C-alpha atoms as a PDB file:
ATOM      1  CA  UNK A   1    -133.333 -14.906   5.239  1.00  0.00           C
ATOM      2  CA  UNK A   2    -132.753 -12.151   7.789  1.00  0.00           C
ATOM      3  CA  UNK A   3    -132.313  -9.245   5.338  1.00  0.00           C
ATOM      4  CA  UNK A   4    -135.402  -7.958   3.575  1.00  0.00           C
ATOM      5  CA  UNK A   5    -134.879  -7.171  -0.093  1.00  0.00           C
ATOM      6  CA  UNK A   6    -135.760  -3.592  -1.054  1.00  0.00           C
ATOM      7  CA  UNK A   7    -136.264  -1.925  -4.399  1.00  0.00           C
ATOM      8  CA  UNK A   8    -135.040   1.670  -4.005  1.00  0.00           C
ATOM      9  CA  UNK A   9    -136.174   3.904  -6.840  1.00  0.00           C
ATOM     10  CA  UNK A  10    -135.243   7.331  -8.128  1.00  0.00           C
ATOM     11  CA  UNK A  11    -135.623   9.236 -11.396  1.00  0.00           C
ATOM     12  CA  UNK A  12    -133.089  11.331 -13.299  1.00  0.00           C
ATOM     13  CA  UNK A  13    -133.095  13.510 -16.398  1.00  0.00           C
ATOM     14  CA  UNK A  14    -130.614  11.713 -18.659  1.00  0.00           C
ATOM     15  CA  UNK A  15    -129.448   8.219 -19.509  1.00  0.00           C
ATOM     16  CA  UNK A  16    -125.895   9.248 -18.629  1.00  0.00           C
ATOM     17  CA  UNK A  17    -127.029  10.358 -15.144  1.00  0.00           C
ATOM     18  CA  UNK A  18    -128.902   7.074 -14.675  1.00  0.00           C
ATOM     19  CA  UNK A  19    -125.935   4.964 -15.733  1.00  0.00           C
ATOM     20  CA  UNK A  20    -123.502   6.896 -13.539  1.00  0.00           C
ATOM     21  CA  UNK A  21    -125.774   6.623 -10.503  1.00  0.00           C
ATOM     22  CA  UNK A  22    -126.401   2.915 -11.079  1.00  0.00           C
ATOM     23  CA  UNK A  23    -122.730   2.133 -11.536  1.00  0.00           C
ATOM     24  CA  UNK A  24    -121.634   4.167  -8.489  1.00  0.00           C
ATOM     25  CA  UNK A  25    -123.993   2.423  -6.069  1.00  0.00           C
ATOM     26  CA  UNK A  26    -123.210  -1.054  -7.400  1.00  0.00           C
ATOM     27  CA  UNK A  27    -119.461  -0.349  -7.270  1.00  0.00           C
ATOM     28  CA  UNK A  28    -119.868   0.852  -3.650  1.00  0.00           C
ATOM     29  CA  UNK A  29    -121.728  -2.398  -2.857  1.00  0.00           C
ATOM     30  CA  UNK A  30    -124.762  -0.438  -1.698  1.00  0.00           C
ATOM     31  CA  UNK A  31    -126.848  -2.389  -4.194  1.00  0.00           C
ATOM     32  CA  UNK A  32    -126.404  -5.729  -5.897  1.00  0.00           C
ATOM     33  CA  UNK A  33    -127.682  -4.372  -9.181  1.00  0.00           C
ATOM     34  CA  UNK A  34    -129.632  -1.523 -10.710  1.00  0.00           C
ATOM     35  CA  UNK A  35    -132.196  -1.415 -13.490  1.00  0.00           C
ATOM     36  CA  UNK A  36    -132.478   1.617 -15.768  1.00  0.00           C
ATOM     37  CA  UNK A  37    -135.582   2.288 -17.838  1.00  0.00           C
ATOM     38  CA  UNK A  38    -136.881   5.193 -19.901  1.00  0.00           C
ATOM     39  CA  UNK A  39    -140.128   6.709 -18.632  1.00  0.00           C
ATOM     40  CA  UNK A  40    -142.276   9.806 -19.106  1.00  0.00           C
ATOM     41  CA  UNK A  41    -143.095  11.851 -16.023  1.00  0.00           C
ATOM     42  CA  UNK A  42    -145.885  14.344 -15.415  1.00  0.00           C
ATOM     43  CA  UNK A  43    -145.437  16.414 -12.271  1.00  0.00           C
ATOM     44  CA  UNK A  44    -146.115  19.772 -10.684  1.00  0.00           C
ATOM     45  CA  UNK A  45    -143.017  21.774  -9.788  1.00  0.00           C
ATOM     46  CA  UNK A  46    -142.786  25.411  -8.726  1.00  0.00           C
ATOM     47  CA  UNK A  47    -146.317  26.243  -9.838  1.00  0.00           C
ATOM     48  CA  UNK A  48    -146.238  24.616 -13.274  1.00  0.00           C
ATOM     49  CA  UNK A  49    -147.134  21.198 -14.626  1.00  0.00           C
ATOM     50  CA  UNK A  50    -144.273  19.539 -16.498  1.00  0.00           C
ATOM     51  CA  UNK A  51    -144.294  16.583 -18.865  1.00  0.00           C
ATOM     52  CA  UNK A  52    -140.794  15.311 -19.576  1.00  0.00           C
ATOM     53  CA  UNK A  53    -138.839  12.178 -20.400  1.00  0.00           C
ATOM     54  CA  UNK A  54    -136.840  10.765 -17.500  1.00  0.00           C
ATOM     55  CA  UNK A  55    -135.005   7.612 -16.545  1.00  0.00           C
ATOM     56  CA  UNK A  56    -136.032   5.427 -13.620  1.00  0.00           C
ATOM     57  CA  UNK A  57    -133.276   3.693 -11.674  1.00  0.00           C
ATOM     58  CA  UNK A  58    -134.286   0.820  -9.399  1.00  0.00           C
ATOM     59  CA  UNK A  59    -131.637  -0.440  -7.006  1.00  0.00           C
ATOM     60  CA  UNK A  60    -131.851  -3.982  -5.594  1.00  0.00           C
ATOM     61  CA  UNK A  61    -130.541  -3.852  -2.038  1.00  0.00           C
ATOM     62  CA  UNK A  62    -131.402  -4.819   1.517  1.00  0.00           C
ATOM     63  CA  UNK A  63    -133.328  -2.936   4.172  1.00  0.00           C
ATOM     64  CA  UNK A  64    -130.258  -2.550   6.377  1.00  0.00           C
ATOM     65  CA  UNK A  65    -128.523  -0.466   3.656  1.00  0.00           C
ATOM     66  CA  UNK A  66    -131.421   1.920   2.901  1.00  0.00           C
ATOM     67  CA  UNK A  67    -130.006   4.938   4.764  1.00  0.00           C
ATOM     68  CA  UNK A  68    -126.656   4.583   2.994  1.00  0.00           C
ATOM     69  CA  UNK A  69    -128.332   4.113  -0.400  1.00  0.00           C
ATOM     70  CA  UNK A  70    -130.469   7.212   0.147  1.00  0.00           C
ATOM     71  CA  UNK A  71    -127.434   9.249   1.255  1.00  0.00           C
ATOM     72  CA  UNK A  72    -125.418   8.180  -1.801  1.00  0.00           C
ATOM     73  CA  UNK A  73    -128.272   9.041  -4.164  1.00  0.00           C
ATOM     74  CA  UNK A  74    -128.671  12.458  -2.518  1.00  0.00           C
ATOM     75  CA  UNK A  75    -124.956  13.230  -2.923  1.00  0.00           C
ATOM     76  CA  UNK A  76    -124.834  12.165  -6.586  1.00  0.00           C
ATOM     77  CA  UNK A  77    -128.267  13.362  -7.757  1.00  0.00           C
ATOM     78  CA  UNK A  78    -128.587  16.538  -9.822  1.00  0.00           C
ATOM     79  CA  UNK A  79    -132.206  17.347  -8.881  1.00  0.00           C
ATOM     80  CA  UNK A  80    -133.008  19.886  -6.185  1.00  0.00           C
ATOM     81  CA  UNK A  81    -135.582  17.460  -4.758  1.00  0.00           C
ATOM     82  CA  UNK A  82    -134.946  13.912  -5.964  1.00  0.00           C
ATOM     83  CA  UNK A  83    -137.655  11.297  -5.645  1.00  0.00           C
ATOM     84  CA  UNK A  84    -136.201   8.506  -3.519  1.00  0.00           C
ATOM     85  CA  UNK A  85    -138.447   5.767  -2.222  1.00  0.00           C
ATOM     86  CA  UNK A  86    -138.273   2.107  -1.375  1.00  0.00           C
ATOM     87  CA  UNK A  87    -140.670  -0.783  -1.488  1.00  0.00           C
ATOM     88  CA  UNK A  88    -140.243  -4.170   0.064  1.00  0.00           C
ATOM     89  CA  UNK A  89    -139.901  -6.884  -2.529  1.00  0.00           C
ATOM     90  CA  UNK A  90    -142.297  -9.155  -0.606  1.00  0.00           C
ATOM     91  CA  UNK A  91    -141.859 -12.768  -1.588  1.00  0.00           C
ATOM     92  CA  UNK A  92    -138.578 -13.335  -3.377  1.00  0.00           C
ATOM     93  CA  UNK A  93    -136.882 -16.392  -4.907  1.00  0.00           C
ATOM     94  CA  UNK A  94    -134.585 -17.361  -2.014  1.00  0.00           C
ATOM     95  CA  UNK A  95    -131.331 -17.845  -3.987  1.00  0.00           C
ATOM     96  CA  UNK A  96    -131.797 -14.440  -5.649  1.00  0.00           C
ATOM     97  CA  UNK A  97    -132.535 -12.780  -2.315  1.00  0.00           C
ATOM     98  CA  UNK A  98    -129.380 -14.338  -0.838  1.00  0.00           C
ATOM     99  CA  UNK A  99    -127.331 -13.021  -3.768  1.00  0.00           C
ATOM    100  CA  UNK A 100    -128.731  -9.496  -3.358  1.00  0.00           C
ATOM    101  CA  UNK A 101    -128.015  -9.597   0.374  1.00  0.00           C
ATOM    102  CA  UNK A 102    -124.436 -10.782  -0.197  1.00  0.00           C
ATOM    103  CA  UNK A 103    -123.709  -8.274  -2.967  1.00  0.00           C
ATOM    104  CA  UNK A 104    -125.146  -5.413  -0.886  1.00  0.00           C
ATOM    105  CA  UNK A 105    -122.696  -5.938   1.978  1.00  0.00           C
ATOM    106  CA  UNK A 106    -119.350  -4.201   2.360  1.00  0.00           C
ATOM    107  CA  UNK A 107    -116.749  -6.332   0.601  1.00  0.00           C
ATOM    108  CA  UNK A 108    -115.106  -7.636   3.767  1.00  0.00           C
ATOM    109  CA  UNK A 109    -118.485  -9.040   4.908  1.00  0.00           C
ATOM    110  CA  UNK A 110    -119.588 -10.471   1.591  1.00  0.00           C
ATOM    111  CA  UNK A 111    -117.475 -13.588   1.528  1.00  0.00           C
ATOM    112  CA  UNK A 112    -115.435 -12.317  -1.406  1.00  0.00           C
ATOM    113  CA  UNK A 113    -111.677 -11.846  -1.046  1.00  0.00           C
ATOM    114  CA  UNK A 114    -110.526  -8.315  -0.262  1.00  0.00           C
ATOM    115  CA  UNK A 115    -107.913  -6.728  -2.476  1.00  0.00           C
END
């Protein structure tokens, strides 16, 4: 497999924000899928320590699309300074990795008919 699978992660304040972000990037074929989970975050921001519920969104994509994924998150994100980071998936079940790579390509390159 020539494309390395990445997990690109961000956090948002509400479930609605998480679902909208996840859906937008999957619809744009920047990610094959996205996972949304409720979390609790503790962080320092503007001189104070905060402890708040958030939602983590993990996008399954390929390394070649990282810059576009980051740009899309930045445009759609409501935070002044969103956390956006990626980790390589390492060893991945080959058929799943192939699916992620295919679904993360622009439609005309993915082997699916264009409309």
